[in-house]
Structures are given as C-alpha cells and as structure tokens.
Amino acid sequence: MSQLATRKRILHRGSPPDAEGATMRWLAGRLVLGVVVLFLVSLLLFLVTQALPGDVARIILGKDATAAQVASLRHQLRLDEPLASQYWHWLTGVLTGRMGNSLQNGEPVADVVGPRMFNSFTLGFVSLVLIIPLAVVVGVASAHRRDSVLDKAFVAVSSLFTALPAFVVGMLLIAFFATSVLGVLPGVSNIPPGDMPWWHPASLVLPVATLTLMGVMYLGRLVRASFIDAMNSEYVQTAKLKGLGRRRVLFRHALPNAVAASLPAAGLVAAITITGVVVVEYVYSYPGLGTAVVAAVNSHDLPVMQACLLTLATSYYLFNLLADVFAAMSGPR
C-alpha cells in the first residue's frame, strides 16, 4: 500500500514526463512480478493436481486392465517420467498452445476448454455490465439519502448478501424462481454444446442474477462510502461556498471523484466475478469452466483440470492488475 500511495503522489504531484515514466516503470515491474506469480501458480497447480489420489492410467483403463496395459498407458502419458520432466513438458505445451488431449475422451484440451471458457466469460461479462452501473446508482442514491429508511435498508441488505456464500444466494433464487413458488425460470442452465449462451436467455437469468446481486451489494457499499467522503471533502465544500448549484456540485464534483475512488474496487469485483462463476456454474449446471473443473476432478482428467484452473488464475491476476492500475491513476480531480 505504501508503494501504491507513493505512485499516486508521483502521478498527481510530479511533472507529467516524470509521472508518465514512473507509471511505466511501475507497470513494467507489476508485469514482471505477474509473470513470476503465474509461474509459481502454474507450478503449484501442477503439483496439487499430480498429488490427487488414484492412478490416472488405471482410472482410464478400468479395474480389469492388466499391469502391462497400465504400464504402457502410463508411458504414453509420460506418467512414468520424473515430475520435473512432466512439468516442463506441460508448461512448454501451455506456452505454445499444445496442452495435450483430454484423458476422458481424447479430444484436444483446447477444443474442450475453449467453448467452456467462452461460456464462462460471457456469463462474467454480462454480469459486470450490470454490476458496475447498478452499483453506482444504488450507492449514490443510498449516500444521497444518508440515514434514511432507504439507506438503512440498503446497508442491512448489502451486509446480508456480503456475508452469504454465492451458492446460498443461488439456491435461494432457485427455490423462489424455479420451483412451485413462482416457477417462471429454469433452475438448470441447459445450453447445448455449440450453442451461444445468448440463444438461451432464460438459462442465463438466474446465474447472472446471482453474480449481479453479489457484486452490486459489495461494490454499491463502497460507492456509497466514497460518495459520502467526496461530499464531505474540502473541494466539494469549497464548491458549495462558491454558490454552485446542488446538481452541479453532485454530478460535476462529488460523483466523478466517488466513482474514481471506487474504480480499484470495480477491478477487484471483476476478478471475484470471473472466479466466482465456478461456484455459480456448479449450482446451475452451467456449461462453463466451473463445471468443466468439477467433471475433470471426478474423472481425474489432469490436462483439462490444469488448463481450466490456470485460465481462472490468470484471469484473476489480470483483473487484480487492472484494479492496481486504477488505484494508481485515480485521485482527486
């Protein structure tokens, strides 16, 4: 945090050339650190997945396979090589786009993971498109009517949703909208392979609603706090003393600074949303990376499992990096 504060001071106090150079050096340092972090994450993922109980070759061939058949398949899958050699072969394959074949059906991992990745990012993107503007509107409205019934209700409800796990929120929505209570939406997201998610809008409603509710309640509280701080700041008080209209003070001075202060949190919410799809997809049987991970774990399909987890970890890091960039570049206007 001290480095981030220093970077903010450089950006807003230093000369434009020095500030730009310092920002580029900081960003380059973050990217280098990210490469190191992702390398360590890939190593940890590989070791953890390799440590899962059970013999992959035996699981694939079944319990009736002979020892010779199991040994032959282990050799084909390089499972008889040292772990360091297996990791190097896997890492170079990931970096060159050759991630091997699924142990479950023999299809290339890219063909298995690609459509699932598209479905997951579609779900996350649609949710974020709703989360950010709704959080701003709700947070500003709550802060503008501070200590009112509306504000107290929002704080109470947002505290409740922040404390609840995503799968509990999902199950509550299923119980209310997909059962005999209302029964207007499907509780399972049936999207056939090869279909685009938006071809089945009804199947997207509940998963998107779950992620949106969680994101709006979290980010909305941060926007509310930022807006209250902005309204109490010196530059807003000065604008009021100058006789500026209430609408101008709110929308030209307070709101831009409140939104700027909330941008880092928006990047973090994006990271949480992308990785949170794992739980939501499992609840609704949505055909994305989350359900692919669960299926890969159950079938001991290591290449698919590793590809899915590495994709999620990389996405999480990139959105965290984006949040840090927003934090470094945001400041009083």
Protein backbone atom coordinates (compact mmCIF):
# COMPACT_ATOMS: atom_id res chain seq x y z
CA MET A 1 0.00 0.00 0.00
CA SER A 2 2.91 2.38 0.69
CA GLN A 3 4.23 1.84 -2.84
CA LEU A 4 0.75 2.45 -4.22
CA ALA A 5 0.44 5.69 -2.23
CA THR A 6 3.86 6.79 -3.47
CA ARG A 7 2.79 6.06 -7.02
CA LYS A 8 -0.35 8.17 -6.58
CA ARG A 9 1.71 11.10 -5.28
CA ILE A 10 4.06 10.82 -8.23
CA LEU A 11 1.14 10.73 -10.66
CA HIS A 12 -0.66 13.75 -9.25
CA ARG A 13 2.23 15.85 -7.93
CA GLY A 14 5.17 15.22 -10.22
CA SER A 15 5.82 16.71 -13.62
CA PRO A 16 3.96 14.99 -16.50
CA PRO A 17 7.07 13.38 -18.08
CA ASP A 18 8.39 12.11 -14.74
CA ALA A 19 4.95 10.87 -13.73
CA GLU A 20 4.49 9.04 -17.01
CA GLY A 21 7.92 7.43 -16.77
CA ALA A 22 7.36 6.41 -13.17
CA THR A 23 3.99 4.92 -14.10
CA MET A 24 5.51 2.91 -16.95
CA ARG A 25 8.30 1.61 -14.69
CA TRP A 26 5.76 0.65 -12.04
CA LEU A 27 3.56 -1.09 -14.61
CA ALA A 28 6.57 -2.95 -16.07
CA GLY A 29 7.51 -4.06 -12.57
CA ARG A 30 3.99 -5.32 -11.96
CA LEU A 31 4.02 -7.25 -15.23
CA VAL A 32 7.35 -8.88 -14.37
CA LEU A 33 6.03 -9.75 -10.92
CA GLY A 34 2.92 -11.15 -12.57
CA VAL A 35 4.99 -13.47 -14.76
CA VAL A 36 6.75 -14.77 -11.65
CA VAL A 37 3.46 -15.17 -9.78
CA LEU A 38 1.80 -17.02 -12.65
CA PHE A 39 4.85 -19.29 -12.96
CA LEU A 40 4.58 -20.17 -9.27
CA VAL A 41 0.81 -20.64 -9.63
CA SER A 42 1.33 -23.00 -12.57
CA LEU A 43 3.89 -24.97 -10.55
CA LEU A 44 1.55 -25.19 -7.57
CA LEU A 45 -1.39 -26.23 -9.76
CA PHE A 46 0.67 -28.93 -11.42
CA LEU A 47 1.91 -30.35 -8.11
CA VAL A 48 -1.55 -30.26 -6.50
CA THR A 49 -3.24 -31.97 -9.43
CA GLN A 50 -0.49 -34.57 -9.58
CA ALA A 51 -0.97 -35.27 -5.88
CA LEU A 52 -4.63 -36.20 -6.32
CA PRO A 53 -5.30 -39.79 -5.21
CA GLY A 54 -5.66 -42.52 -7.81
CA ASP A 55 -3.72 -43.75 -10.80
CA VAL A 56 -4.77 -41.91 -13.96
CA ALA A 57 -3.90 -44.84 -16.21
CA ARG A 58 -5.82 -47.26 -14.02
CA ILE A 59 -8.86 -44.93 -13.92
CA ILE A 60 -8.88 -44.63 -17.73
CA LEU A 61 -8.47 -48.34 -18.45
CA GLY A 62 -10.69 -49.60 -15.64
CA LYS A 63 -10.10 -52.11 -12.89
CA ASP A 64 -9.95 -55.06 -15.30
CA ALA A 65 -6.82 -53.76 -17.11
CA THR A 66 -3.63 -55.76 -16.78
CA ALA A 67 -0.47 -54.38 -15.22
CA ALA A 68 1.19 -54.35 -18.66
CA GLN A 69 -1.64 -52.29 -20.15
CA VAL A 70 -1.48 -49.82 -17.28
CA ALA A 71 2.30 -49.52 -17.62
CA SER A 72 2.01 -48.97 -21.39
CA LEU A 73 -0.56 -46.20 -20.95
CA ARG A 74 1.50 -44.56 -18.21
CA HIS A 75 4.43 -44.48 -20.62
CA GLN A 76 2.27 -42.94 -23.38
CA LEU A 77 1.04 -40.25 -20.97
CA ARG A 78 4.60 -39.62 -19.68
CA LEU A 79 3.42 -40.50 -16.18
CA ASP A 80 6.50 -42.66 -15.66
CA GLU A 81 8.83 -39.68 -16.12
CA PRO A 82 10.15 -37.54 -13.23
CA LEU A 83 7.84 -34.77 -12.05
CA ALA A 84 10.26 -32.08 -13.24
CA SER A 85 10.21 -33.52 -16.76
CA GLN A 86 6.41 -33.81 -16.71
CA TYR A 87 6.05 -30.20 -15.55
CA TRP A 88 8.45 -28.88 -18.20
CA HIS A 89 6.62 -30.77 -20.93
CA TRP A 90 3.26 -29.44 -19.69
CA LEU A 91 4.47 -25.83 -19.29
CA THR A 92 6.05 -25.68 -22.75
CA GLY A 93 2.84 -27.12 -24.16
CA VAL A 94 0.78 -24.40 -22.43
CA LEU A 95 3.09 -21.64 -23.70
CA THR A 96 2.97 -22.97 -27.26
CA GLY A 97 -0.76 -23.73 -27.28
CA ARG A 98 -0.24 -27.51 -27.24
CA MET A 99 -1.94 -28.55 -24.00
CA GLY A 100 -2.36 -32.17 -24.95
CA ASN A 101 -5.53 -34.22 -25.13
CA SER A 102 -8.27 -34.87 -22.64
CA LEU A 103 -7.77 -38.16 -20.82
CA GLN A 104 -11.53 -38.67 -20.74
CA ASN A 105 -12.41 -38.54 -24.44
CA GLY A 106 -9.11 -37.97 -26.27
CA GLU A 107 -10.13 -34.57 -27.67
CA PRO A 108 -7.59 -31.72 -27.69
CA VAL A 109 -7.73 -29.77 -24.44
CA ALA A 110 -8.18 -26.52 -26.37
CA ASP A 111 -11.32 -27.91 -28.01
CA VAL A 112 -12.70 -28.95 -24.63
CA VAL A 113 -11.78 -25.82 -22.69
CA GLY A 114 -12.31 -23.21 -25.44
CA PRO A 115 -16.14 -23.31 -25.61
CA ARG A 116 -16.37 -23.60 -21.83
CA MET A 117 -14.10 -20.57 -21.45
CA PHE A 118 -16.28 -18.59 -23.85
CA ASN A 119 -19.40 -19.50 -21.87
CA SER A 120 -17.80 -18.51 -18.56
CA PHE A 121 -16.53 -15.18 -19.84
CA THR A 122 -19.92 -14.46 -21.41
CA LEU A 123 -21.56 -15.04 -18.04
CA GLY A 124 -18.97 -12.88 -16.28
CA PHE A 125 -19.12 -10.10 -18.87
CA VAL A 126 -22.92 -9.82 -18.82
CA SER A 127 -22.84 -9.73 -15.02
CA LEU A 128 -20.20 -6.98 -14.96
CA VAL A 129 -22.12 -4.89 -17.48
CA LEU A 130 -24.99 -4.92 -14.98
CA ILE A 131 -22.96 -4.73 -11.76
CA ILE A 132 -20.99 -1.55 -12.37
CA PRO A 133 -23.80 0.88 -13.36
CA LEU A 134 -26.26 -0.59 -10.87
CA ALA A 135 -23.71 -0.35 -8.04
CA VAL A 136 -23.05 3.30 -8.89
CA VAL A 137 -26.77 4.17 -8.99
CA VAL A 138 -27.63 2.28 -5.81
CA GLY A 139 -24.55 3.51 -3.92
CA VAL A 140 -25.05 7.16 -4.87
CA ALA A 141 -28.80 7.04 -4.14
CA SER A 142 -28.13 5.49 -0.73
CA ALA A 143 -25.41 8.02 0.13
CA HIS A 144 -27.53 10.93 -1.12
CA ARG A 145 -30.28 9.89 1.34
CA ARG A 146 -27.90 9.06 4.15
CA ASP A 147 -29.52 7.71 7.34
CA SER A 148 -32.89 7.49 5.62
CA VAL A 149 -35.01 4.33 5.58
CA LEU A 150 -33.72 3.58 2.07
CA ASP A 151 -30.11 3.96 3.17
CA LYS A 152 -30.51 1.82 6.26
CA ALA A 153 -32.32 -0.86 4.27
CA PHE A 154 -29.56 -0.94 1.65
CA VAL A 155 -26.82 -1.20 4.29
CA ALA A 156 -28.66 -4.05 6.03
CA VAL A 157 -29.42 -5.99 2.85
CA SER A 158 -25.91 -5.49 1.43
CA SER A 159 -24.38 -6.70 4.70
CA LEU A 160 -26.52 -9.83 4.49
CA PHE A 161 -25.61 -10.58 0.87
CA THR A 162 -21.92 -9.91 1.52
CA ALA A 163 -21.97 -12.49 4.32
CA LEU A 164 -23.76 -15.16 2.27
CA PRO A 165 -21.77 -17.52 0.03
CA ALA A 166 -22.62 -17.43 -3.67
CA PHE A 167 -24.07 -20.94 -3.65
CA VAL A 168 -26.54 -19.98 -0.88
CA VAL A 169 -27.73 -16.98 -2.90
CA GLY A 170 -28.04 -19.22 -5.95
CA MET A 171 -30.07 -21.83 -4.08
CA LEU A 172 -32.38 -19.14 -2.69
CA LEU A 173 -33.04 -17.81 -6.19
CA ILE A 174 -33.69 -21.33 -7.45
CA ALA A 175 -36.10 -22.01 -4.57
CA PHE A 176 -38.01 -18.82 -5.29
CA PHE A 177 -37.99 -18.53 -9.09
CA ALA A 178 -37.55 -22.12 -10.32
CA THR A 179 -39.81 -24.11 -8.03
CA SER A 180 -43.50 -24.07 -7.17
CA VAL A 181 -43.20 -20.62 -5.54
CA LEU A 182 -43.12 -18.89 -8.92
CA GLY A 183 -41.69 -21.43 -11.36
CA VAL A 184 -41.01 -18.85 -14.06
CA LEU A 185 -37.33 -19.62 -14.72
CA PRO A 186 -35.31 -22.81 -15.24
CA GLY A 187 -33.19 -23.90 -12.31
CA VAL A 188 -30.72 -25.61 -14.65
CA SER A 189 -28.93 -23.80 -17.46
CA ASN A 190 -29.41 -26.16 -20.37
CA ILE A 191 -27.19 -24.78 -23.14
CA PRO A 192 -26.44 -27.45 -25.76
CA PRO A 193 -22.83 -27.79 -26.94
CA GLY A 194 -22.09 -25.44 -29.83
CA ASP A 195 -24.92 -23.02 -28.98
CA MET A 196 -24.20 -19.43 -27.98
CA PRO A 197 -25.28 -18.62 -24.39
CA TRP A 198 -27.46 -15.70 -25.50
CA TRP A 199 -29.51 -18.08 -27.65
CA HIS A 200 -30.95 -19.31 -24.35
CA PRO A 201 -31.63 -16.10 -22.37
CA ALA A 202 -33.86 -17.82 -19.82
CA SER A 203 -30.96 -20.08 -18.85
CA LEU A 204 -28.77 -17.03 -18.21
CA VAL A 205 -31.15 -15.12 -15.96
CA LEU A 206 -30.57 -16.86 -12.63
CA PRO A 207 -26.76 -17.29 -12.94
CA VAL A 208 -26.41 -13.65 -13.99
CA ALA A 209 -28.78 -12.54 -11.22
CA THR A 210 -26.71 -14.38 -8.61
CA LEU A 211 -23.43 -12.79 -9.68
CA THR A 212 -25.06 -9.39 -10.13
CA LEU A 213 -26.65 -9.36 -6.68
CA MET A 214 -23.38 -10.31 -5.02
CA GLY A 215 -21.41 -7.72 -6.99
CA VAL A 216 -23.88 -4.84 -6.62
CA MET A 217 -24.21 -5.30 -2.88
CA TYR A 218 -20.44 -5.30 -2.39
CA LEU A 219 -19.48 -2.56 -4.84
CA GLY A 220 -22.55 -0.45 -4.00
CA ARG A 221 -21.44 -0.15 -0.38
CA LEU A 222 -18.01 1.03 -1.49
CA VAL A 223 -19.53 3.59 -3.87
CA ARG A 224 -21.75 4.79 -1.03
CA ALA A 225 -18.76 5.27 1.28
CA SER A 226 -16.75 7.00 -1.47
CA PHE A 227 -19.64 9.36 -2.28
CA ILE A 228 -20.08 10.29 1.38
CA ASP A 229 -16.35 11.02 1.65
CA ALA A 230 -16.50 13.09 -1.53
CA MET A 231 -19.44 15.15 -0.26
CA ASN A 232 -17.52 15.88 2.96
CA SER A 233 -14.29 16.77 1.15
CA GLU A 234 -12.80 20.25 1.05
CA TYR A 235 -13.19 20.73 -2.70
CA VAL A 236 -16.94 19.97 -2.54
CA GLN A 237 -17.37 22.29 0.43
CA THR A 238 -15.47 24.98 -1.48
CA ALA A 239 -17.75 24.47 -4.49
CA LYS A 240 -20.77 24.95 -2.22
CA LEU A 241 -19.29 28.14 -0.77
CA LYS A 242 -18.81 29.48 -4.29
CA GLY A 243 -22.56 29.24 -4.73
CA LEU A 244 -22.57 26.45 -7.30
CA GLY A 245 -25.89 24.71 -7.79
CA ARG A 246 -26.62 21.47 -5.94
CA ARG A 247 -26.90 19.47 -9.14
CA ARG A 248 -23.55 20.77 -10.40
CA VAL A 249 -21.85 20.03 -7.10
CA LEU A 250 -23.22 16.49 -7.08
CA PHE A 251 -22.59 15.48 -10.68
CA ARG A 252 -19.50 17.52 -11.58
CA HIS A 253 -17.50 17.39 -8.37
CA ALA A 254 -18.70 14.70 -5.97
CA LEU A 255 -19.76 11.91 -8.33
CA PRO A 256 -16.62 11.79 -10.57
CA ASN A 257 -14.35 11.61 -7.52
CA ALA A 258 -16.53 8.99 -5.83
CA VAL A 259 -16.50 6.85 -8.98
CA ALA A 260 -12.72 7.30 -9.40
CA ALA A 261 -12.16 6.18 -5.82
CA SER A 262 -14.32 3.09 -6.50
CA LEU A 263 -12.57 2.02 -9.71
CA PRO A 264 -9.97 -0.16 -7.94
CA ALA A 265 -12.80 -1.96 -6.16
CA ALA A 266 -14.55 -2.42 -9.52
CA GLY A 267 -11.46 -4.21 -10.84
CA LEU A 268 -11.43 -6.43 -7.77
CA VAL A 269 -15.14 -7.16 -8.17
CA ALA A 270 -14.43 -8.15 -11.78
CA ALA A 271 -11.76 -10.60 -10.59
CA ILE A 272 -14.08 -12.05 -7.96
CA THR A 273 -16.90 -12.32 -10.51
CA ILE A 274 -14.78 -14.19 -13.05
CA THR A 275 -13.55 -16.69 -10.48
CA GLY A 276 -16.94 -16.79 -8.73
CA VAL A 277 -18.51 -18.28 -11.82
CA VAL A 278 -17.03 -21.63 -10.73
CA VAL A 279 -19.49 -21.89 -7.82
CA VAL A 280 -22.41 -20.35 -9.71
CA GLU A 281 -21.90 -22.64 -12.70
CA TYR A 282 -21.92 -25.68 -10.45
CA VAL A 283 -25.15 -24.56 -8.76
CA TYR A 284 -26.94 -24.08 -12.09
CA SER A 285 -25.08 -26.77 -14.09
CA TYR A 286 -23.97 -24.02 -16.46
CA PRO A 287 -21.56 -25.40 -19.11
CA GLY A 288 -18.51 -23.27 -18.29
CA LEU A 289 -15.08 -23.62 -16.74
CA GLY A 290 -16.56 -24.30 -13.30
CA THR A 291 -18.48 -27.39 -14.32
CA ALA A 292 -15.53 -28.46 -16.51
CA VAL A 293 -13.26 -28.37 -13.44
CA VAL A 294 -15.71 -30.46 -11.40
CA ALA A 295 -16.08 -33.00 -14.21
CA ALA A 296 -12.30 -33.15 -14.69
CA VAL A 297 -11.73 -33.75 -10.98
CA ASN A 298 -14.30 -36.55 -10.92
CA SER A 299 -12.74 -38.27 -13.95
CA HIS A 300 -9.14 -37.44 -12.97
CA ASP A 301 -8.69 -35.64 -16.30
CA LEU A 302 -5.50 -33.77 -15.38
CA PRO A 303 -4.89 -31.83 -18.63
CA VAL A 304 -8.40 -30.35 -18.65
CA MET A 305 -8.29 -29.65 -14.92
CA GLN A 306 -4.93 -27.88 -15.17
CA ALA A 307 -5.98 -25.81 -18.20
CA CYS A 308 -9.21 -24.64 -16.54
CA LEU A 309 -7.57 -23.72 -13.23
CA LEU A 310 -4.68 -21.92 -14.92
CA THR A 311 -7.14 -19.92 -17.05
CA LEU A 312 -9.07 -18.85 -13.96
CA ALA A 313 -5.90 -17.98 -12.05
CA THR A 314 -4.58 -15.90 -14.97
CA SER A 315 -7.89 -14.05 -15.29
CA TYR A 316 -7.92 -13.32 -11.58
CA TYR A 317 -4.41 -11.89 -11.70
CA LEU A 318 -5.12 -9.72 -14.75
CA PHE A 319 -8.18 -8.15 -13.15
CA ASN A 320 -6.24 -7.55 -9.94
CA LEU A 321 -3.55 -5.85 -12.02
CA LEU A 322 -6.27 -3.72 -13.61
CA ALA A 323 -7.52 -2.78 -10.13
CA ASP A 324 -4.00 -1.71 -9.13
CA VAL A 325 -3.70 0.42 -12.27
CA PHE A 326 -7.00 2.11 -11.49
CA ALA A 327 -5.86 2.69 -7.90
CA ALA A 328 -2.59 4.25 -9.05
CA MET A 329 -4.23 6.52 -11.60
CA SER A 330 -7.24 7.63 -9.56
CA GLY A 331 -7.01 10.66 -7.34
CA PRO A 332 -8.66 13.98 -6.52
CA ARG A 333 -9.86 15.91 -9.52
